[in-house]
Amino acid sequence: MKKVFLLLAPGFELLEATAPIDVLERCGVEVEKVSLGNDLLVPSSHNVFLKADSFLSDEKDVDRIVLQGDMVILPGGFPGYRNLAENSLVGALLKEFEKKGKLVAAICGAPSALAAFSIMTGKKATCHTSVRDIVSKSYALSSEKTETDGLLVTGRGAGVCIEFAFECAKALVGDAVIAEVKRKMEIR
């Protein structure tokens, strides 16, 4: 079974976290929610709390996630994406994922966190308009709702989080699984 780690920084965008969790689990992918804070209950940008399964608090956590994970997902949201970009353990984790040739996904403002750590620079990426100036210095900007370039998956924002979730799923499971999940979700 494929495994994804979704990073929850305080101030994350709720839809950008829950849509990938929902879609990926429907596709048979295990999703572990990882808190960057001191509590498993992590506040979203709208002060709705999501309970994480584990913490990213030291190098042992980085090693475990790199060993077990097929993909890491960074939701955006303000100030969530800034909290991601300012966390050195997030940088270490992303650098190891890139080094090991593993999938990295980010939506909304979170591609700016990838840029902060120079992850997969030069690739095509899309992001929220509020961080386009930052992201354009490290990536070839795309105007698409979602963009996949090799091992990098990006999305524009909360309005396209279902499409982003399926783009992540496409990198992990087969077309038949995705088609069946879309059918059950009434996505035509």
C-alpha atoms as a PDB file:
ATOM      1  CA  MET A   1       0.000   0.000   0.000  1.00  0.00           C
ATOM      2  CA  LYS A   2       1.227   3.479  -0.894  1.00  0.00           C
ATOM      3  CA  LYS A   3       1.714   5.943   1.948  1.00  0.00           C
ATOM      4  CA  VAL A   4       1.454   9.732   1.968  1.00  0.00           C
ATOM      5  CA  PHE A   5       2.472  12.129   4.721  1.00  0.00           C
ATOM      6  CA  LEU A   6       0.473  15.355   4.877  1.00  0.00           C
ATOM      7  CA  LEU A   7       2.139  18.169   6.836  1.00  0.00           C
ATOM      8  CA  LEU A   8      -0.127  20.246   9.075  1.00  0.00           C
ATOM      9  CA  ALA A   9       1.427  23.570  10.010  1.00  0.00           C
ATOM     10  CA  PRO A  10      -0.639  25.887  12.225  1.00  0.00           C
ATOM     11  CA  GLY A  11      -2.733  28.051   9.890  1.00  0.00           C
ATOM     12  CA  PHE A  12      -3.133  25.440   7.116  1.00  0.00           C
ATOM     13  CA  GLU A  13      -6.048  25.697   4.668  1.00  0.00           C
ATOM     14  CA  LEU A  14      -8.657  23.133   5.753  1.00  0.00           C
ATOM     15  CA  LEU A  15      -9.935  22.207   2.278  1.00  0.00           C
ATOM     16  CA  GLU A  16      -6.409  21.793   0.920  1.00  0.00           C
ATOM     17  CA  ALA A  17      -5.665  19.271   3.671  1.00  0.00           C
ATOM     18  CA  THR A  18      -8.947  17.375   3.843  1.00  0.00           C
ATOM     19  CA  ALA A  19      -9.561  16.946   0.100  1.00  0.00           C
ATOM     20  CA  PRO A  20      -6.298  15.025  -0.468  1.00  0.00           C
ATOM     21  CA  ILE A  21      -6.887  12.988   2.699  1.00  0.00           C
ATOM     22  CA  ASP A  22     -10.383  12.023   1.547  1.00  0.00           C
ATOM     23  CA  VAL A  23      -9.574  11.308  -2.105  1.00  0.00           C
ATOM     24  CA  LEU A  24      -6.351   9.418  -1.414  1.00  0.00           C
ATOM     25  CA  GLU A  25      -7.933   7.226   1.260  1.00  0.00           C
ATOM     26  CA  ARG A  26     -10.816   6.433  -1.122  1.00  0.00           C
ATOM     27  CA  CYS A  27      -8.112   5.357  -3.607  1.00  0.00           C
ATOM     28  CA  GLY A  28      -6.599   2.965  -1.063  1.00  0.00           C
ATOM     29  CA  VAL A  29      -3.632   5.155  -0.131  1.00  0.00           C
ATOM     30  CA  GLU A  30      -2.698   5.465   3.539  1.00  0.00           C
ATOM     31  CA  VAL A  31      -2.472   9.103   4.664  1.00  0.00           C
ATOM     32  CA  GLU A  32      -0.681  10.068   7.863  1.00  0.00           C
ATOM     33  CA  LYS A  33      -1.326  13.579   9.121  1.00  0.00           C
ATOM     34  CA  VAL A  34       1.797  15.121  10.667  1.00  0.00           C
ATOM     35  CA  SER A  35       1.706  18.021  13.144  1.00  0.00           C
ATOM     36  CA  LEU A  36       4.465  20.617  13.013  1.00  0.00           C
ATOM     37  CA  GLY A  37       3.314  22.086  16.304  1.00  0.00           C
ATOM     38  CA  ASN A  38       3.436  20.937  19.911  1.00  0.00           C
ATOM     39  CA  ASP A  39      -0.046  19.420  19.842  1.00  0.00           C
ATOM     40  CA  LEU A  40      -1.773  16.786  17.726  1.00  0.00           C
ATOM     41  CA  LEU A  41      -4.724  19.181  17.367  1.00  0.00           C
ATOM     42  CA  VAL A  42      -3.615  21.640  14.700  1.00  0.00           C
ATOM     43  CA  PRO A  43      -5.575  24.853  14.016  1.00  0.00           C
ATOM     44  CA  SER A  44      -6.456  25.705  10.432  1.00  0.00           C
ATOM     45  CA  SER A  45      -6.411  29.239   9.051  1.00  0.00           C
ATOM     46  CA  HIS A  46     -10.097  29.471  10.039  1.00  0.00           C
ATOM     47  CA  ASN A  47      -9.491  28.029  13.517  1.00  0.00           C
ATOM     48  CA  VAL A  48     -10.999  24.618  12.731  1.00  0.00           C
ATOM     49  CA  PHE A  49      -8.834  21.931  14.319  1.00  0.00           C
ATOM     50  CA  LEU A  50      -7.670  18.764  12.598  1.00  0.00           C
ATOM     51  CA  LYS A  51      -6.153  15.957  14.637  1.00  0.00           C
ATOM     52  CA  ALA A  52      -2.772  14.765  13.398  1.00  0.00           C
ATOM     53  CA  ASP A  53      -1.493  11.208  13.771  1.00  0.00           C
ATOM     54  CA  SER A  54       2.133  12.045  14.534  1.00  0.00           C
ATOM     55  CA  PHE A  55       4.683  14.835  14.938  1.00  0.00           C
ATOM     56  CA  LEU A  56       7.584  16.194  12.909  1.00  0.00           C
ATOM     57  CA  SER A  57       9.765  17.199  15.834  1.00  0.00           C
ATOM     58  CA  ASP A  58      13.264  15.814  15.195  1.00  0.00           C
ATOM     59  CA  GLU A  59      15.574  14.091  12.711  1.00  0.00           C
ATOM     60  CA  LYS A  60      14.205  10.651  13.688  1.00  0.00           C
ATOM     61  CA  ASP A  61      10.784  11.764  12.455  1.00  0.00           C
ATOM     62  CA  VAL A  62      12.347  12.964   9.192  1.00  0.00           C
ATOM     63  CA  ASP A  63      14.094   9.602   8.717  1.00  0.00           C
ATOM     64  CA  ARG A  64      10.898   7.636   9.421  1.00  0.00           C
ATOM     65  CA  ILE A  65       8.812   9.691   7.006  1.00  0.00           C
ATOM     66  CA  VAL A  66      11.438   9.424   4.260  1.00  0.00           C
ATOM     67  CA  LEU A  67      11.698   5.660   4.794  1.00  0.00           C
ATOM     68  CA  GLN A  68       7.939   5.018   4.835  1.00  0.00           C
ATOM     69  CA  GLY A  69       6.578   7.698   2.512  1.00  0.00           C
ATOM     70  CA  ASP A  70       5.856   7.642  -1.198  1.00  0.00           C
ATOM     71  CA  MET A  71       4.694  11.272  -1.240  1.00  0.00           C
ATOM     72  CA  VAL A  72       4.648  14.297   1.033  1.00  0.00           C
ATOM     73  CA  ILE A  73       1.868  16.894   0.669  1.00  0.00           C
ATOM     74  CA  LEU A  74       2.034  20.513   1.820  1.00  0.00           C
ATOM     75  CA  PRO A  75      -1.326  22.306   2.087  1.00  0.00           C
ATOM     76  CA  GLY A  76      -1.268  26.081   1.823  1.00  0.00           C
ATOM     77  CA  GLY A  77      -3.272  28.536   3.876  1.00  0.00           C
ATOM     78  CA  PHE A  78      -2.112  31.587   5.744  1.00  0.00           C
ATOM     79  CA  PRO A  79      -0.009  31.586   7.846  1.00  0.00           C
ATOM     80  CA  GLY A  80       0.375  27.824   7.291  1.00  0.00           C
ATOM     81  CA  TYR A  81       2.558  28.101   4.202  1.00  0.00           C
ATOM     82  CA  ARG A  82       4.871  30.554   5.985  1.00  0.00           C
ATOM     83  CA  ASN A  83       5.122  28.199   8.956  1.00  0.00           C
ATOM     84  CA  LEU A  84       6.166  25.434   6.537  1.00  0.00           C
ATOM     85  CA  ALA A  85       8.822  27.664   4.953  1.00  0.00           C
ATOM     86  CA  GLU A  86      10.282  28.618   8.337  1.00  0.00           C
ATOM     87  CA  ASN A  87      10.611  25.052   9.668  1.00  0.00           C
ATOM     88  CA  SER A  88      14.086  23.558   9.173  1.00  0.00           C
ATOM     89  CA  LEU A  89      12.773  20.006   9.654  1.00  0.00           C
ATOM     90  CA  VAL A  90      10.363  20.547   6.748  1.00  0.00           C
ATOM     91  CA  GLY A  91      13.368  21.627   4.664  1.00  0.00           C
ATOM     92  CA  ALA A  92      15.360  18.549   5.688  1.00  0.00           C
ATOM     93  CA  LEU A  93      12.404  16.287   4.896  1.00  0.00           C
ATOM     94  CA  LEU A  94      11.807  17.848   1.476  1.00  0.00           C
ATOM     95  CA  LYS A  95      15.499  17.653   0.568  1.00  0.00           C
ATOM     96  CA  GLU A  96      15.565  13.945   1.458  1.00  0.00           C
ATOM     97  CA  PHE A  97      12.409  13.280  -0.574  1.00  0.00           C
ATOM     98  CA  GLU A  98      13.983  15.007  -3.575  1.00  0.00           C
ATOM     99  CA  LYS A  99      17.293  13.177  -3.093  1.00  0.00           C
ATOM    100  CA  LYS A 100      15.524   9.797  -2.916  1.00  0.00           C
ATOM    101  CA  GLY A 101      13.384  10.517  -6.002  1.00  0.00           C
ATOM    102  CA  LYS A 102      10.078  10.624  -4.126  1.00  0.00           C
ATOM    103  CA  LEU A 103       6.935  12.622  -4.887  1.00  0.00           C
ATOM    104  CA  VAL A 104       6.406  16.116  -3.454  1.00  0.00           C
ATOM    105  CA  ALA A 105       3.079  17.964  -3.695  1.00  0.00           C
ATOM    106  CA  ALA A 106       2.131  21.506  -2.662  1.00  0.00           C
ATOM    107  CA  ILE A 107      -0.951  23.668  -3.165  1.00  0.00           C
ATOM    108  CA  CYS A 108      -1.857  27.354  -2.859  1.00  0.00           C
ATOM    109  CA  GLY A 109       0.904  29.237  -0.996  1.00  0.00           C
ATOM    110  CA  ALA A 110       2.855  26.064  -0.148  1.00  0.00           C
ATOM    111  CA  PRO A 111       4.924  26.055  -3.375  1.00  0.00           C
ATOM    112  CA  SER A 112       6.637  29.118  -1.858  1.00  0.00           C
ATOM    113  CA  ALA A 113       7.834  26.818   0.955  1.00  0.00           C
ATOM    114  CA  LEU A 114       9.315  24.517  -1.686  1.00  0.00           C
ATOM    115  CA  ALA A 115      11.069  27.542  -3.178  1.00  0.00           C
ATOM    116  CA  ALA A 116      12.409  28.529   0.259  1.00  0.00           C
ATOM    117  CA  PHE A 117      14.250  25.190   0.431  1.00  0.00           C
ATOM    118  CA  SER A 118      15.178  25.042  -3.312  1.00  0.00           C
ATOM    119  CA  ILE A 119      13.195  21.850  -3.918  1.00  0.00           C
ATOM    120  CA  MET A 120      12.928  20.672  -7.555  1.00  0.00           C
ATOM    121  CA  THR A 121      13.763  24.117  -8.898  1.00  0.00           C
ATOM    122  CA  GLY A 122      13.273  24.741 -12.594  1.00  0.00           C
ATOM    123  CA  LYS A 123      10.162  22.529 -12.803  1.00  0.00           C
ATOM    124  CA  LYS A 124       6.761  23.746 -13.976  1.00  0.00           C
ATOM    125  CA  ALA A 125       4.529  24.731 -11.046  1.00  0.00           C
ATOM    126  CA  THR A 126       1.311  26.525 -10.301  1.00  0.00           C
ATOM    127  CA  CYS A 127       0.359  28.363  -7.111  1.00  0.00           C
ATOM    128  CA  HIS A 128      -1.901  30.976  -5.537  1.00  0.00           C
ATOM    129  CA  THR A 129      -1.575  34.441  -7.080  1.00  0.00           C
ATOM    130  CA  SER A 130      -0.376  35.857  -3.737  1.00  0.00           C
ATOM    131  CA  VAL A 131       2.925  33.931  -3.985  1.00  0.00           C
ATOM    132  CA  ARG A 132       3.489  33.986  -7.761  1.00  0.00           C
ATOM    133  CA  ASP A 133       6.378  36.451  -7.445  1.00  0.00           C
ATOM    134  CA  ILE A 134       8.187  34.184  -4.968  1.00  0.00           C
ATOM    135  CA  VAL A 135       7.472  30.962  -6.869  1.00  0.00           C
ATOM    136  CA  SER A 136       8.399  32.435 -10.271  1.00  0.00           C
ATOM    137  CA  LYS A 137      12.009  32.894  -9.098  1.00  0.00           C
ATOM    138  CA  SER A 138      12.445  29.118  -8.713  1.00  0.00           C
ATOM    139  CA  TYR A 139       9.905  27.523 -11.078  1.00  0.00           C
ATOM    140  CA  ALA A 140       8.425  27.910 -14.542  1.00  0.00           C
ATOM    141  CA  LEU A 141       4.965  29.237 -13.692  1.00  0.00           C
ATOM    142  CA  SER A 142       1.963  27.468 -15.143  1.00  0.00           C
ATOM    143  CA  SER A 143      -1.528  28.939 -15.418  1.00  0.00           C
ATOM    144  CA  GLU A 144      -3.124  25.492 -15.046  1.00  0.00           C
ATOM    145  CA  LYS A 145      -5.317  24.559 -12.062  1.00  0.00           C
ATOM    146  CA  THR A 146      -2.903  21.747 -11.268  1.00  0.00           C
ATOM    147  CA  GLU A 147       0.521  20.958 -12.666  1.00  0.00           C
ATOM    148  CA  THR A 148       2.634  17.819 -12.564  1.00  0.00           C
ATOM    149  CA  ASP A 149       6.240  17.983 -13.717  1.00  0.00           C
ATOM    150  CA  GLY A 150       8.080  14.762 -12.972  1.00  0.00           C
ATOM    151  CA  LEU A 151       7.912  14.176  -9.216  1.00  0.00           C
ATOM    152  CA  LEU A 152       6.439  17.614  -8.429  1.00  0.00           C
ATOM    153  CA  VAL A 153       2.660  18.093  -8.141  1.00  0.00           C
ATOM    154  CA  THR A 154       1.258  21.588  -7.514  1.00  0.00           C
ATOM    155  CA  GLY A 155      -2.164  23.210  -7.331  1.00  0.00           C
ATOM    156  CA  ARG A 156      -3.467  26.788  -7.398  1.00  0.00           C
ATOM    157  CA  GLY A 157      -5.627  26.925  -4.281  1.00  0.00           C
ATOM    158  CA  ALA A 158      -8.657  25.861  -2.290  1.00  0.00           C
ATOM    159  CA  GLY A 159     -10.979  26.181  -5.294  1.00  0.00           C
ATOM    160  CA  VAL A 160      -9.166  23.363  -7.094  1.00  0.00           C
ATOM    161  CA  CYS A 161      -8.378  21.101  -4.141  1.00  0.00           C
ATOM    162  CA  ILE A 162     -10.385  18.121  -5.484  1.00  0.00           C
ATOM    163  CA  GLU A 163      -8.541  18.325  -8.817  1.00  0.00           C
ATOM    164  CA  PHE A 164      -5.260  18.623  -6.903  1.00  0.00           C
ATOM    165  CA  ALA A 165      -6.149  15.575  -4.796  1.00  0.00           C
ATOM    166  CA  PHE A 166      -6.815  13.503  -7.923  1.00  0.00           C
ATOM    167  CA  GLU A 167      -3.580  14.762  -9.481  1.00  0.00           C
ATOM    168  CA  CYS A 168      -1.767  13.452  -6.388  1.00  0.00           C
ATOM    169  CA  ALA A 169      -3.678  10.166  -6.664  1.00  0.00           C
ATOM    170  CA  LYS A 170      -2.720   9.860 -10.339  1.00  0.00           C
ATOM    171  CA  ALA A 171       0.938   9.774  -9.305  1.00  0.00           C
ATOM    172  CA  LEU A 172       0.265   6.909  -6.866  1.00  0.00           C
ATOM    173  CA  VAL A 173      -2.483   4.624  -8.198  1.00  0.00           C
ATOM    174  CA  GLY A 174      -3.783   3.385 -11.524  1.00  0.00           C
ATOM    175  CA  ASP A 175      -6.375   4.970 -13.786  1.00  0.00           C
ATOM    176  CA  ALA A 176      -8.939   2.250 -13.040  1.00  0.00           C
ATOM    177  CA  VAL A 177      -8.853   3.048  -9.311  1.00  0.00           C
ATOM    178  CA  ILE A 178      -9.236   6.766  -9.984  1.00  0.00           C
ATOM    179  CA  ALA A 179     -12.089   6.190 -12.447  1.00  0.00           C
ATOM    180  CA  GLU A 180     -13.973   4.074  -9.892  1.00  0.00           C
ATOM    181  CA  VAL A 181     -13.484   6.627  -7.099  1.00  0.00           C
ATOM    182  CA  LYS A 182     -14.646   9.453  -9.374  1.00  0.00           C
ATOM    183  CA  ARG A 183     -17.706   7.403 -10.376  1.00  0.00           C
ATOM    184  CA  LYS A 184     -18.615   6.826  -6.710  1.00  0.00           C
ATOM    185  CA  MET A 185     -18.105  10.530  -5.952  1.00  0.00           C
ATOM    186  CA  GLU A 186     -20.355  11.512  -8.914  1.00  0.00           C
ATOM    187  CA  ILE A 187     -17.470  13.225 -10.716  1.00  0.00           C
ATOM    188  CA  ARG A 188     -18.031  12.947 -14.442  1.00  0.00           C
END
